[in-house]
């Protein structure tokens, strides 16, 4: 049985055992997952990622994501 694919999107310095880290600091765009087949990941972790979507040119925006309270 193949090992389960677990992605850590926008990983930054947070390396998690058993996860493939994807971060712009490593030249990898966490919003472009075209190298992976649909439904191939068992787990996708994306903590602190949505607020950066407008920088990635995705067309996704979240006006309240960058608000501070």
C-alpha atoms as a PDB file:
ATOM      1  CA  UNK A   1       0.000   0.000   0.000  1.00  0.00           C
ATOM      2  CA  UNK A   2       1.453   3.437  -0.925  1.00  0.00           C
ATOM      3  CA  UNK A   3       2.218   5.930   1.813  1.00  0.00           C
ATOM      4  CA  UNK A   4      -0.592   8.440   2.463  1.00  0.00           C
ATOM      5  CA  UNK A   5      -0.002  11.871   0.952  1.00  0.00           C
ATOM      6  CA  UNK A   6      -0.264  14.672   3.500  1.00  0.00           C
ATOM      7  CA  UNK A   7       0.290  18.263   2.412  1.00  0.00           C
ATOM      8  CA  UNK A   8       1.240  21.180   4.654  1.00  0.00           C
ATOM      9  CA  UNK A   9       0.388  24.256   2.582  1.00  0.00           C
ATOM     10  CA  UNK A  10       2.101  27.511   3.508  1.00  0.00           C
ATOM     11  CA  UNK A  11       4.325  25.560   5.862  1.00  0.00           C
ATOM     12  CA  UNK A  12       6.852  28.304   6.541  1.00  0.00           C
ATOM     13  CA  UNK A  13       9.312  26.958   9.091  1.00  0.00           C
ATOM     14  CA  UNK A  14       6.733  24.517  10.465  1.00  0.00           C
ATOM     15  CA  UNK A  15       7.984  21.162   9.224  1.00  0.00           C
ATOM     16  CA  UNK A  16       5.594  18.390  10.248  1.00  0.00           C
ATOM     17  CA  UNK A  17       6.689  14.750  10.246  1.00  0.00           C
ATOM     18  CA  UNK A  18       4.930  12.800   7.522  1.00  0.00           C
ATOM     19  CA  UNK A  19       3.819  15.899   5.585  1.00  0.00           C
ATOM     20  CA  UNK A  20       5.068  17.382   2.317  1.00  0.00           C
ATOM     21  CA  UNK A  21       5.788  21.047   3.073  1.00  0.00           C
ATOM     22  CA  UNK A  22       4.838  23.536   0.375  1.00  0.00           C
ATOM     23  CA  UNK A  23       5.799  27.167   0.885  1.00  0.00           C
ATOM     24  CA  UNK A  24       6.641  30.163  -1.307  1.00  0.00           C
ATOM     25  CA  UNK A  25       9.935  30.502   0.606  1.00  0.00           C
ATOM     26  CA  UNK A  26      10.997  27.311  -1.155  1.00  0.00           C
ATOM     27  CA  UNK A  27       9.782  28.574  -4.535  1.00  0.00           C
ATOM     28  CA  UNK A  28       6.596  26.493  -4.391  1.00  0.00           C
ATOM     29  CA  UNK A  29       3.187  28.122  -4.676  1.00  0.00           C
ATOM     30  CA  UNK A  30       0.774  26.563  -2.188  1.00  0.00           C
ATOM     31  CA  UNK A  31      -2.152  27.654  -4.382  1.00  0.00           C
ATOM     32  CA  UNK A  32      -0.933  25.619  -7.364  1.00  0.00           C
ATOM     33  CA  UNK A  33      -1.333  21.937  -6.628  1.00  0.00           C
ATOM     34  CA  UNK A  34      -1.383  20.848 -10.273  1.00  0.00           C
ATOM     35  CA  UNK A  35       1.486  18.406  -9.681  1.00  0.00           C
ATOM     36  CA  UNK A  36      -0.861  16.292  -7.543  1.00  0.00           C
ATOM     37  CA  UNK A  37      -3.751  14.245  -8.917  1.00  0.00           C
ATOM     38  CA  UNK A  38      -7.263  15.147  -7.801  1.00  0.00           C
ATOM     39  CA  UNK A  39      -8.206  13.433  -4.550  1.00  0.00           C
ATOM     40  CA  UNK A  40      -4.664  12.092  -4.051  1.00  0.00           C
ATOM     41  CA  UNK A  41      -4.045  13.715  -0.655  1.00  0.00           C
ATOM     42  CA  UNK A  42      -5.377  12.121   2.483  1.00  0.00           C
ATOM     43  CA  UNK A  43      -4.805  15.294   4.499  1.00  0.00           C
ATOM     44  CA  UNK A  44      -4.287  18.934   3.555  1.00  0.00           C
ATOM     45  CA  UNK A  45      -3.218  21.332   6.299  1.00  0.00           C
ATOM     46  CA  UNK A  46      -3.474  25.010   5.402  1.00  0.00           C
ATOM     47  CA  UNK A  47      -3.072  27.033   8.589  1.00  0.00           C
ATOM     48  CA  UNK A  48      -2.429  30.747   8.072  1.00  0.00           C
ATOM     49  CA  UNK A  49      -2.787  30.456   4.292  1.00  0.00           C
ATOM     50  CA  UNK A  50      -6.073  32.035   3.207  1.00  0.00           C
ATOM     51  CA  UNK A  51      -4.976  35.561   4.121  1.00  0.00           C
ATOM     52  CA  UNK A  52      -2.228  35.310   1.478  1.00  0.00           C
ATOM     53  CA  UNK A  53      -4.478  34.274  -1.427  1.00  0.00           C
ATOM     54  CA  UNK A  54      -4.639  37.765  -2.933  1.00  0.00           C
ATOM     55  CA  UNK A  55      -0.834  37.830  -3.213  1.00  0.00           C
ATOM     56  CA  UNK A  56      -0.798  34.569  -5.149  1.00  0.00           C
ATOM     57  CA  UNK A  57      -2.895  35.975  -7.996  1.00  0.00           C
ATOM     58  CA  UNK A  58      -5.576  33.377  -7.417  1.00  0.00           C
ATOM     59  CA  UNK A  59      -8.514  35.741  -7.735  1.00  0.00           C
ATOM     60  CA  UNK A  60      -9.547  34.588  -4.264  1.00  0.00           C
ATOM     61  CA  UNK A  61     -10.024  37.393  -1.809  1.00  0.00           C
ATOM     62  CA  UNK A  62     -10.969  37.473   1.817  1.00  0.00           C
ATOM     63  CA  UNK A  63     -11.360  41.110   2.945  1.00  0.00           C
ATOM     64  CA  UNK A  64     -11.734  40.231   6.608  1.00  0.00           C
ATOM     65  CA  UNK A  65      -8.752  37.888   6.704  1.00  0.00           C
ATOM     66  CA  UNK A  66      -6.251  40.664   7.281  1.00  0.00           C
ATOM     67  CA  UNK A  67      -8.369  42.630   9.756  1.00  0.00           C
ATOM     68  CA  UNK A  68      -6.968  42.992  13.246  1.00  0.00           C
ATOM     69  CA  UNK A  69      -9.280  43.229  16.237  1.00  0.00           C
END
